[in-house]
N, C-alpha and C. Protein backbone atom coordinates (compact mmCIF):
# COMPACT_ATOMS: atom_id res chain seq x y z
N MET A 1 32.13 -12.50 -13.39
CA MET A 1 31.29 -13.95 -13.57
C MET A 1 30.02 -13.65 -12.51
N LEU A 2 30.41 -13.28 -11.22
CA LEU A 2 29.72 -13.40 -9.84
C LEU A 2 28.76 -12.14 -10.10
N LEU A 3 29.45 -11.07 -10.45
CA LEU A 3 28.58 -9.98 -10.80
C LEU A 3 27.79 -10.27 -12.02
N PHE A 4 28.19 -10.47 -13.07
CA PHE A 4 26.59 -10.75 -14.06
C PHE A 4 25.31 -11.72 -13.23
N LEU A 5 25.99 -12.55 -12.89
CA LEU A 5 24.95 -13.80 -12.25
C LEU A 5 24.13 -12.81 -11.00
N SER A 6 24.70 -12.11 -10.41
CA SER A 6 24.22 -11.50 -9.18
C SER A 6 22.94 -10.03 -10.40
N ARG A 7 23.51 -9.42 -10.96
CA ARG A 7 23.11 -8.45 -11.98
C ARG A 7 22.04 -9.26 -12.76
N LEU A 8 21.93 -10.57 -12.78
CA LEU A 8 21.06 -11.28 -14.20
C LEU A 8 19.91 -11.14 -12.88
N SER A 9 20.06 -11.80 -11.81
CA SER A 9 18.80 -12.17 -10.85
C SER A 9 18.09 -10.74 -10.48
N GLU A 10 19.08 -9.60 -10.21
CA GLU A 10 18.38 -8.38 -10.05
C GLU A 10 17.64 -7.94 -11.27
N LEU A 11 18.08 -8.09 -12.51
CA LEU A 11 17.20 -7.76 -13.47
C LEU A 11 15.70 -9.01 -13.98
N THR A 12 16.14 -9.95 -13.55
CA THR A 12 14.94 -10.74 -13.68
C THR A 12 13.63 -10.66 -12.77
N ASP A 13 14.42 -10.02 -11.46
CA ASP A 13 13.52 -9.94 -10.08
C ASP A 13 12.72 -8.68 -10.69
N ARG A 14 13.29 -7.50 -11.15
CA ARG A 14 12.61 -6.45 -11.72
C ARG A 14 11.71 -6.88 -12.23
N LEU A 15 11.68 -7.62 -13.25
CA LEU A 15 11.13 -8.11 -14.31
C LEU A 15 9.96 -8.70 -14.03
N VAL A 16 9.93 -9.90 -12.85
CA VAL A 16 8.46 -10.45 -12.49
C VAL A 16 8.01 -9.17 -11.57
N ARG A 17 8.58 -8.84 -10.95
CA ARG A 17 7.81 -7.54 -10.30
C ARG A 17 6.79 -6.69 -10.94
N ILE A 18 7.34 -6.38 -12.12
CA ILE A 18 6.69 -5.47 -12.81
C ILE A 18 5.52 -6.27 -13.34
N LEU A 19 5.90 -7.69 -13.72
CA LEU A 19 4.78 -8.19 -14.67
C LEU A 19 3.64 -8.99 -13.59
N LEU A 20 4.08 -8.75 -12.53
CA LEU A 20 3.35 -9.67 -11.47
C LEU A 20 2.36 -8.72 -11.09
N VAL A 21 2.33 -7.26 -11.11
CA VAL A 21 1.34 -6.67 -10.88
C VAL A 21 0.16 -6.49 -11.65
N PRO A 22 0.43 -6.43 -13.37
CA PRO A 22 -0.59 -6.46 -14.28
C PRO A 22 -1.56 -7.79 -14.27
N PHE A 23 -0.65 -8.69 -14.06
CA PHE A 23 -1.30 -10.01 -13.99
C PHE A 23 -2.21 -10.49 -12.84
N ALA A 24 -1.93 -10.24 -11.37
CA ALA A 24 -2.72 -9.90 -10.34
C ALA A 24 -3.76 -8.78 -10.75
N LEU A 25 -4.14 -8.12 -10.90
CA LEU A 25 -5.05 -6.70 -11.39
C LEU A 25 -5.68 -7.65 -12.20
N PHE A 26 -5.31 -8.25 -13.00
CA PHE A 26 -6.34 -8.36 -14.60
C PHE A 26 -7.18 -9.62 -13.82
N THR A 27 -6.37 -10.37 -13.19
CA THR A 27 -6.95 -11.52 -12.65
C THR A 27 -8.53 -11.37 -11.59
N ILE A 28 -8.06 -10.20 -11.03
CA ILE A 28 -9.17 -9.38 -9.92
C ILE A 28 -10.07 -9.07 -10.59
N LEU A 29 -9.48 -8.29 -11.34
CA LEU A 29 -10.83 -7.39 -12.36
C LEU A 29 -11.55 -8.27 -13.14
N ILE A 30 -11.16 -9.15 -13.82
CA ILE A 30 -11.79 -10.43 -14.42
C ILE A 30 -12.87 -11.07 -13.58
N VAL A 31 -12.45 -11.55 -12.25
CA VAL A 31 -13.18 -12.29 -11.36
C VAL A 31 -14.60 -11.38 -11.01
N PHE A 32 -14.11 -10.09 -10.60
CA PHE A 32 -15.33 -9.02 -10.26
C PHE A 32 -16.19 -8.93 -11.28
N PHE A 33 -15.93 -8.31 -12.73
CA PHE A 33 -16.48 -8.28 -13.74
C PHE A 33 -17.47 -9.42 -14.15
N GLU A 34 -16.68 -10.72 -13.90
CA GLU A 34 -17.87 -11.62 -14.19
C GLU A 34 -19.01 -12.00 -12.99
N VAL A 35 -18.05 -11.72 -12.01
CA VAL A 35 -19.22 -11.77 -10.38
C VAL A 35 -20.65 -10.92 -11.03
N LEU A 36 -20.30 -9.38 -11.45
CA LEU A 36 -21.16 -8.43 -11.76
C LEU A 36 -21.80 -8.94 -12.75
N MET A 37 -21.60 -9.35 -14.12
CA MET A 37 -21.91 -9.73 -15.38
C MET A 37 -23.07 -10.55 -15.34
N ARG A 38 -22.72 -11.66 -14.32
CA ARG A 38 -23.41 -13.18 -14.03
C ARG A 38 -24.40 -12.62 -13.12
N TYR A 39 -24.11 -12.13 -12.01
CA TYR A 39 -25.43 -12.07 -11.27
C TYR A 39 -26.37 -10.78 -11.11
N VAL A 40 -25.82 -9.65 -11.76
CA VAL A 40 -26.66 -8.33 -11.67
C VAL A 40 -27.15 -8.47 -13.03
N PHE A 41 -26.05 -8.70 -13.97
CA PHE A 41 -26.55 -8.49 -15.47
C PHE A 41 -27.10 -9.74 -16.10
N ARG A 42 -27.16 -10.66 -15.21
CA ARG A 42 -27.24 -11.87 -16.08
C ARG A 42 -27.03 -12.13 -17.35
N ALA A 43 -25.40 -11.81 -17.38
CA ALA A 43 -25.00 -11.98 -18.82
C ALA A 43 -23.89 -12.45 -18.60
N PRO A 44 -23.30 -13.51 -18.34
CA PRO A 44 -21.78 -14.23 -17.91
C PRO A 44 -20.64 -14.25 -19.18
N ILE A 45 -19.91 -13.44 -18.64
CA ILE A 45 -18.60 -13.45 -19.75
C ILE A 45 -18.34 -15.29 -19.97
N ILE A 46 -18.50 -15.42 -21.15
CA ILE A 46 -17.88 -17.08 -21.62
C ILE A 46 -16.39 -17.31 -21.23
N THR A 47 -15.46 -16.36 -21.60
CA THR A 47 -14.24 -16.47 -21.14
C THR A 47 -13.53 -16.40 -19.83
N SER A 48 -14.31 -15.57 -18.68
CA SER A 48 -13.99 -15.53 -17.97
C SER A 48 -12.97 -16.89 -17.06
N VAL A 49 -13.89 -17.74 -16.83
CA VAL A 49 -13.09 -18.71 -16.21
C VAL A 49 -11.50 -18.71 -16.59
N GLU A 50 -11.63 -19.07 -17.92
CA GLU A 50 -10.44 -19.15 -18.70
C GLU A 50 -9.02 -18.35 -18.14
N LEU A 51 -9.85 -17.03 -18.38
CA LEU A 51 -8.74 -16.09 -18.25
C LEU A 51 -8.51 -15.90 -16.58
N ALA A 52 -9.47 -16.03 -16.10
CA ALA A 52 -9.11 -15.54 -14.54
C ALA A 52 -8.13 -16.88 -14.28
N ARG A 53 -8.12 -18.49 -14.68
CA ARG A 53 -7.45 -19.36 -14.10
C ARG A 53 -5.98 -19.05 -14.64
N LEU A 54 -5.85 -18.51 -16.00
CA LEU A 54 -4.50 -18.04 -16.72
C LEU A 54 -3.94 -16.79 -16.05
N GLY A 55 -4.73 -15.88 -15.43
CA GLY A 55 -3.78 -14.93 -14.60
C GLY A 55 -3.63 -15.18 -13.39
N PHE A 56 -4.44 -15.78 -12.93
CA PHE A 56 -4.05 -16.98 -11.39
C PHE A 56 -3.01 -17.78 -11.19
N VAL A 57 -2.69 -18.82 -12.14
CA VAL A 57 -1.35 -19.06 -12.15
C VAL A 57 -0.48 -18.25 -12.39
N TRP A 58 -0.44 -17.21 -13.60
CA TRP A 58 0.92 -16.68 -13.35
C TRP A 58 1.16 -15.61 -12.71
N SER A 59 0.26 -15.20 -11.59
CA SER A 59 0.11 -14.37 -10.87
C SER A 59 1.05 -15.09 -9.63
N CYS A 60 0.29 -16.41 -9.36
CA CYS A 60 0.99 -17.34 -8.33
C CYS A 60 2.71 -17.81 -8.68
N PHE A 61 3.05 -18.27 -9.75
CA PHE A 61 4.25 -18.30 -10.21
C PHE A 61 5.18 -16.93 -9.99
N PHE A 62 4.60 -16.01 -10.35
CA PHE A 62 5.36 -15.01 -10.54
C PHE A 62 5.51 -14.61 -9.19
N GLY A 63 4.43 -14.47 -8.43
CA GLY A 63 4.70 -14.08 -6.64
C GLY A 63 5.57 -15.14 -5.93
N ALA A 64 5.69 -16.49 -6.17
CA ALA A 64 6.52 -17.04 -5.75
C ALA A 64 8.13 -16.89 -6.22
N THR A 65 8.31 -16.39 -7.10
CA THR A 65 9.59 -16.04 -7.36
C THR A 65 9.90 -15.07 -7.04
N VAL A 66 9.04 -14.10 -6.77
CA VAL A 66 9.52 -12.65 -5.89
C VAL A 66 9.84 -13.35 -4.41
N CYS A 67 8.77 -13.93 -3.75
CA CYS A 67 9.18 -14.42 -2.27
C CYS A 67 10.40 -15.42 -2.34
N PHE A 68 10.75 -15.93 -3.10
CA PHE A 68 12.05 -16.56 -3.26
C PHE A 68 13.22 -16.07 -3.48
N LYS A 69 12.91 -14.96 -3.63
CA LYS A 69 14.42 -13.96 -4.31
C LYS A 69 14.38 -13.43 -3.01
N ARG A 70 13.60 -13.13 -1.92
CA ARG A 70 13.41 -12.16 -0.92
C ARG A 70 13.82 -13.44 0.26
N GLN A 71 13.56 -14.32 -0.11
CA GLN A 71 13.61 -15.47 0.86
C GLN A 71 12.32 -15.29 1.93
N LYS A 72 11.40 -15.14 1.22
CA LYS A 72 10.12 -14.91 2.32
C LYS A 72 9.34 -16.06 2.46
N HIS A 73 9.79 -17.17 1.91
CA HIS A 73 9.11 -18.37 1.91
C HIS A 73 8.78 -18.76 2.90
N ILE A 74 8.81 -20.14 3.51
CA ILE A 74 8.41 -20.59 4.60
C ILE A 74 9.69 -21.56 4.55
N GLN A 75 10.30 -21.20 5.97
CA GLN A 75 11.29 -21.78 6.51
C GLN A 75 11.60 -22.54 7.78
N PHE A 76 12.41 -23.14 7.93
CA PHE A 76 12.28 -23.62 9.21
C PHE A 76 13.70 -23.53 10.01
N LEU A 77 13.32 -22.32 10.56
CA LEU A 77 14.70 -21.19 11.34
C LEU A 77 14.57 -21.94 12.46
N PHE A 78 13.97 -22.52 13.34
CA PHE A 78 14.41 -22.89 14.45
C PHE A 78 15.31 -24.15 14.36
N PHE A 79 15.66 -24.74 13.29
CA PHE A 79 16.75 -25.83 13.33
C PHE A 79 17.55 -24.93 13.41
N THR A 80 17.83 -24.11 12.61
CA THR A 80 19.12 -23.59 12.07
C THR A 80 19.29 -21.95 13.09
N GLU A 81 18.49 -21.96 14.40
CA GLU A 81 19.13 -20.73 14.75
C GLU A 81 19.95 -21.16 16.10
N ASN A 82 20.03 -22.16 16.30
CA ASN A 82 21.24 -22.62 17.11
C ASN A 82 22.79 -23.13 16.66
N PHE A 83 22.54 -22.80 15.50
CA PHE A 83 23.68 -22.91 14.82
C PHE A 83 24.98 -21.69 14.75
N GLY A 84 26.21 -22.13 14.52
CA GLY A 84 26.81 -20.91 14.72
C GLY A 84 26.81 -20.36 13.05
N ARG A 85 27.26 -19.54 12.75
CA ARG A 85 27.89 -18.69 11.79
C ARG A 85 28.13 -19.76 10.29
N ARG A 86 29.19 -20.53 10.57
CA ARG A 86 29.61 -21.63 9.70
C ARG A 86 28.55 -22.68 9.22
N GLY A 87 27.75 -23.28 10.28
CA GLY A 87 26.80 -24.23 10.44
C GLY A 87 25.61 -23.19 9.94
N LYS A 88 25.50 -21.95 9.83
CA LYS A 88 24.39 -21.67 8.95
C LYS A 88 24.74 -21.12 7.42
N ARG A 89 25.66 -21.01 7.30
CA ARG A 89 26.37 -20.83 6.15
C ARG A 89 26.00 -22.58 4.91
N ILE A 90 26.76 -23.46 6.49
CA ILE A 90 26.42 -24.74 5.29
C ILE A 90 25.03 -25.37 5.07
N VAL A 91 24.06 -24.86 6.22
CA VAL A 91 22.88 -25.34 5.91
C VAL A 91 22.22 -24.79 4.80
N GLN A 92 22.39 -23.39 4.39
CA GLN A 92 21.78 -22.88 3.29
C GLN A 92 22.73 -23.49 2.05
N ALA A 93 23.81 -23.61 2.28
CA ALA A 93 24.37 -23.87 0.90
C ALA A 93 23.75 -25.38 0.42
N THR A 94 23.38 -25.87 1.46
CA THR A 94 22.91 -27.36 0.98
C THR A 94 21.72 -27.06 0.61
N VAL A 95 21.22 -26.56 1.31
CA VAL A 95 19.72 -26.08 0.98
C VAL A 95 19.09 -25.43 -0.51
N ASP A 96 20.54 -24.78 -0.97
CA ASP A 96 20.70 -23.79 -2.20
C ASP A 96 20.46 -24.95 -3.26
N LEU A 97 21.88 -25.76 -2.98
CA LEU A 97 22.17 -27.23 -3.79
C LEU A 97 20.81 -28.03 -3.76
N LEU A 98 20.35 -28.30 -2.99
CA LEU A 98 18.82 -29.13 -3.52
C LEU A 98 17.99 -28.52 -4.02
N SER A 99 17.77 -27.00 -3.65
CA SER A 99 17.00 -26.39 -4.41
C SER A 99 16.97 -26.21 -6.09
N LEU A 100 18.68 -26.11 -6.27
CA LEU A 100 19.24 -26.13 -7.45
C LEU A 100 19.09 -27.67 -8.67
N GLY A 101 18.64 -28.36 -8.12
CA GLY A 101 18.29 -29.62 -8.56
C GLY A 101 16.57 -29.74 -8.25
N PHE A 102 16.29 -29.16 -7.58
CA PHE A 102 14.84 -28.91 -7.68
C PHE A 102 14.30 -28.55 -9.23
N PHE A 103 14.74 -27.27 -9.08
CA PHE A 103 14.39 -26.36 -10.09
C PHE A 103 14.81 -27.03 -11.57
N LEU A 104 16.13 -27.29 -11.26
CA LEU A 104 16.25 -27.56 -13.24
C LEU A 104 15.23 -29.00 -13.04
N PHE A 105 15.04 -29.83 -12.46
CA PHE A 105 13.95 -30.72 -12.61
C PHE A 105 12.41 -30.40 -12.57
N LEU A 106 12.02 -29.33 -12.28
CA LEU A 106 11.10 -28.18 -12.60
C LEU A 106 10.66 -28.17 -13.97
N MET A 107 12.01 -27.50 -14.26
CA MET A 107 11.94 -26.49 -15.31
C MET A 107 12.23 -27.44 -16.61
N VAL A 108 12.88 -28.66 -16.32
CA VAL A 108 12.92 -30.09 -17.45
C VAL A 108 11.05 -30.50 -17.75
N LYS A 109 10.42 -30.98 -16.66
CA LYS A 109 9.30 -31.31 -16.30
C LYS A 109 8.57 -30.35 -16.76
N GLY A 110 8.33 -29.14 -16.24
CA GLY A 110 7.83 -28.43 -16.61
C GLY A 110 7.80 -27.91 -18.54
N ILE A 111 8.79 -27.69 -18.92
CA ILE A 111 9.11 -27.84 -20.68
C ILE A 111 8.11 -29.37 -21.31
N GLN A 112 8.61 -30.56 -20.78
CA GLN A 112 7.75 -31.70 -21.18
C GLN A 112 6.17 -31.33 -21.39
N MET A 113 5.78 -31.00 -19.84
CA MET A 113 4.24 -30.82 -19.75
C MET A 113 3.78 -29.65 -20.94
N ALA A 114 4.68 -28.64 -21.11
CA ALA A 114 4.18 -27.94 -21.87
C ALA A 114 3.99 -28.23 -23.32
N GLU A 115 4.90 -28.74 -23.57
CA GLU A 115 5.02 -29.25 -24.84
C GLU A 115 3.81 -30.26 -25.08
N ALA A 116 3.62 -31.07 -24.38
CA ALA A 116 2.79 -32.12 -24.50
C ALA A 116 1.34 -31.59 -24.22
N VAL A 117 0.96 -30.48 -23.75
CA VAL A 117 -0.50 -29.72 -23.81
C VAL A 117 -0.39 -28.45 -24.96
N GLU A 118 0.63 -28.52 -25.45
CA GLU A 118 0.30 -27.23 -26.86
C GLU A 118 -0.09 -27.38 -27.86
N PRO A 119 -0.87 -28.75 -28.27
CA PRO A 119 -1.67 -28.84 -29.24
C PRO A 119 -3.28 -28.64 -28.76
N THR A 120 -3.03 -28.79 -27.37
CA THR A 120 -4.70 -28.91 -26.88
C THR A 120 -5.22 -27.21 -27.03
N TYR A 121 -6.16 -26.81 -26.59
CA TYR A 121 -6.89 -25.60 -26.53
C TYR A 121 -7.87 -25.43 -25.89
N PHE A 122 -7.91 -24.07 -25.23
CA PHE A 122 -9.15 -23.58 -24.09
C PHE A 122 -10.56 -23.62 -25.01
N PRO A 123 -11.31 -24.81 -24.67
CA PRO A 123 -12.52 -24.27 -25.45
C PRO A 123 -13.52 -22.98 -25.55
N ALA A 124 -13.32 -22.06 -24.86
CA ALA A 124 -13.96 -20.86 -25.15
C ALA A 124 -12.88 -19.64 -25.62
N LEU A 125 -11.82 -19.68 -25.25
CA LEU A 125 -10.62 -18.80 -25.67
C LEU A 125 -10.24 -18.96 -26.82
N GLY A 126 -10.03 -20.47 -27.54
CA GLY A 126 -9.30 -20.76 -28.70
C GLY A 126 -7.82 -20.60 -28.64
N TRP A 127 -7.43 -20.67 -27.36
CA TRP A 127 -5.67 -20.48 -27.34
C TRP A 127 -5.09 -21.76 -26.84
N SER A 128 -4.18 -21.72 -26.95
CA SER A 128 -3.29 -22.95 -26.87
C SER A 128 -3.15 -23.38 -25.26
N GLN A 129 -3.22 -24.63 -24.91
CA GLN A 129 -3.19 -24.41 -23.31
C GLN A 129 -1.56 -24.43 -22.76
N LEU A 130 -0.79 -24.21 -23.63
CA LEU A 130 0.89 -24.19 -23.33
C LEU A 130 0.88 -22.65 -22.44
N TRP A 131 -0.29 -21.96 -22.75
CA TRP A 131 -0.16 -20.43 -21.98
C TRP A 131 -0.37 -20.90 -20.26
N LEU A 132 -0.67 -22.09 -20.26
CA LEU A 132 -1.38 -22.63 -18.44
C LEU A 132 -0.57 -22.76 -17.69
N TYR A 133 0.52 -23.87 -18.92
CA TYR A 133 1.14 -24.58 -18.52
C TYR A 133 3.17 -23.78 -18.70
N LEU A 134 3.10 -22.79 -19.32
CA LEU A 134 4.10 -22.10 -19.36
C LEU A 134 4.94 -21.53 -18.35
N PRO A 135 4.02 -20.78 -17.55
CA PRO A 135 4.71 -20.21 -15.91
C PRO A 135 5.86 -21.17 -15.22
N LEU A 136 5.49 -22.56 -15.36
CA LEU A 136 6.21 -23.53 -14.51
C LEU A 136 7.77 -23.50 -15.35
N PRO A 137 7.71 -23.83 -16.29
CA PRO A 137 9.23 -23.89 -16.50
C PRO A 137 10.01 -22.81 -16.55
N LEU A 138 9.12 -21.24 -16.77
CA LEU A 138 9.80 -20.00 -17.40
C LEU A 138 10.56 -19.76 -15.47
N ASN A 139 9.23 -19.74 -14.46
CA ASN A 139 9.51 -19.17 -13.23
C ASN A 139 10.89 -20.38 -12.14
N ALA A 140 10.37 -21.83 -12.93
CA ALA A 140 11.59 -22.47 -11.89
C ALA A 140 13.10 -22.07 -13.08
N LEU A 141 12.95 -21.12 -14.27
CA LEU A 141 14.18 -20.69 -14.53
C LEU A 141 14.72 -19.75 -13.68
N PHE A 142 13.75 -18.62 -13.36
CA PHE A 142 14.38 -17.44 -12.71
C PHE A 142 14.50 -17.65 -11.36
N MET A 143 14.02 -18.81 -10.46
CA MET A 143 14.41 -19.34 -9.23
C MET A 143 15.60 -20.00 -9.34
N LEU A 144 16.34 -20.65 -10.55
CA LEU A 144 17.43 -21.16 -10.70
C LEU A 144 18.53 -20.00 -10.59
N ILE A 145 17.68 -19.14 -11.63
CA ILE A 145 18.96 -17.95 -11.48
C ILE A 145 19.39 -17.42 -10.50
N HIS A 146 17.91 -17.12 -9.35
CA HIS A 146 18.28 -16.72 -8.16
C HIS A 146 19.28 -17.17 -7.42
N THR A 147 18.86 -18.60 -7.09
CA THR A 147 19.73 -19.74 -6.92
C THR A 147 21.11 -19.81 -6.87
N ILE A 148 21.49 -19.78 -8.20
CA ILE A 148 22.84 -19.76 -8.66
C ILE A 148 23.25 -18.40 -8.40
N ALA A 149 22.75 -17.47 -8.16
CA ALA A 149 23.24 -15.76 -7.95
C ALA A 149 23.46 -15.96 -6.21
N ARG A 150 22.66 -16.64 -5.38
CA ARG A 150 22.79 -16.64 -4.15
C ARG A 150 23.74 -17.70 -3.70
N LEU A 151 24.56 -18.82 -4.16
CA LEU A 151 25.01 -19.31 -4.41
C LEU A 151 26.53 -18.97 -4.28
N GLY A 152 26.45 -18.07 -5.88
CA GLY A 152 27.63 -17.70 -5.62
C GLY A 152 28.29 -16.52 -4.86
N ASP A 153 27.03 -15.74 -4.33
CA ASP A 153 27.25 -14.82 -3.42
C ASP A 153 28.09 -15.21 -1.94
N GLN A 154 27.47 -16.87 -1.70
CA GLN A 154 27.88 -17.79 -0.26
C GLN A 154 29.11 -17.84 -0.76
N LEU A 155 29.65 -18.28 -2.09
CA LEU A 155 31.22 -18.88 -2.02
C LEU A 155 32.08 -18.02 -2.15
N SER A 156 31.63 -16.90 -2.51
CA SER A 156 32.74 -15.56 -2.50
C SER A 156 32.83 -14.92 -1.17
N ALA A 157 31.87 -15.09 -0.32
CA ALA A 157 31.89 -14.54 0.47
C ALA A 157 32.63 -15.50 1.72
N THR A 158 32.66 -16.81 1.28
CA THR A 158 33.66 -17.88 2.13
C THR A 158 35.09 -17.66 1.63
N VAL A 159 35.10 -17.62 0.57
CA VAL A 159 36.76 -17.57 -0.24
C VAL A 159 37.46 -16.30 -0.09
N PRO A 160 38.41 -16.31 0.80
CA PRO A 160 39.59 -15.15 1.20
C PRO A 160 39.63 -14.50 -0.12
N PRO A 161 39.83 -13.38 -0.39
CA PRO A 161 40.38 -12.69 -1.44
C PRO A 161 41.86 -13.27 -2.24
N ARG A 162 42.33 -13.08 -3.14
CA ARG A 162 43.79 -13.65 -3.37
C ARG A 162 44.61 -11.92 -3.07
N GLU A 163 45.71 -12.26 -3.02
CA GLU A 163 46.69 -11.07 -2.92
C GLU A 163 46.59 -10.10 -3.89
N GLY A 164 46.39 -9.23 -4.11
CA GLY A 164 46.48 -8.59 -5.26
C GLY A 164 45.11 -8.03 -5.85
N HIS A 165 43.87 -8.70 -5.23
CA HIS A 165 42.77 -8.83 -6.00
C HIS A 165 41.83 -7.94 -4.94
N LYS A 166 40.78 -6.90 -5.31
CA LYS A 166 40.10 -6.43 -4.72
C LYS A 166 38.33 -7.25 -4.99
N VAL A 167 38.09 -6.89 -3.39
CA VAL A 167 36.78 -7.44 -3.29
C VAL A 167 35.73 -6.67 -4.01
N PRO A 168 34.97 -6.96 -5.01
CA PRO A 168 33.76 -6.28 -5.55
C PRO A 168 32.94 -5.91 -4.68
């Protein structure tokens, strides 16, 4: 089970990293071309603001997921640097358990928000605003997977193997 969770976390991370680049690149390009069209050619692209907003939101959430997986987000390391190895593990497990609850909350509320805005549309694009809110529950799910995998790794590192069982 732990191996499955670890592989799922890695697969999810790979997928998100693959999607992050085109979304970020798309956002940069659409903003660049909008500025070019608006101020140089005096012919603005009507849908550019909505497209840029969508690309930016998706890129931000994908980026947050990538950072979370690598633990590159803001952390209060000065708080735990004086703890021993066991103390650091306890704090990390506590933070992961709190994160687990938070990501579950984000996923549930994100689904509710996405369902609430699904019948509304972007004026210029005509697309459902569901696409603007979908990154919240989706990336909360990805972070939930990473958290569960990390908790599993921590638990397997603290529990000694039973006699006759090999450590993977």
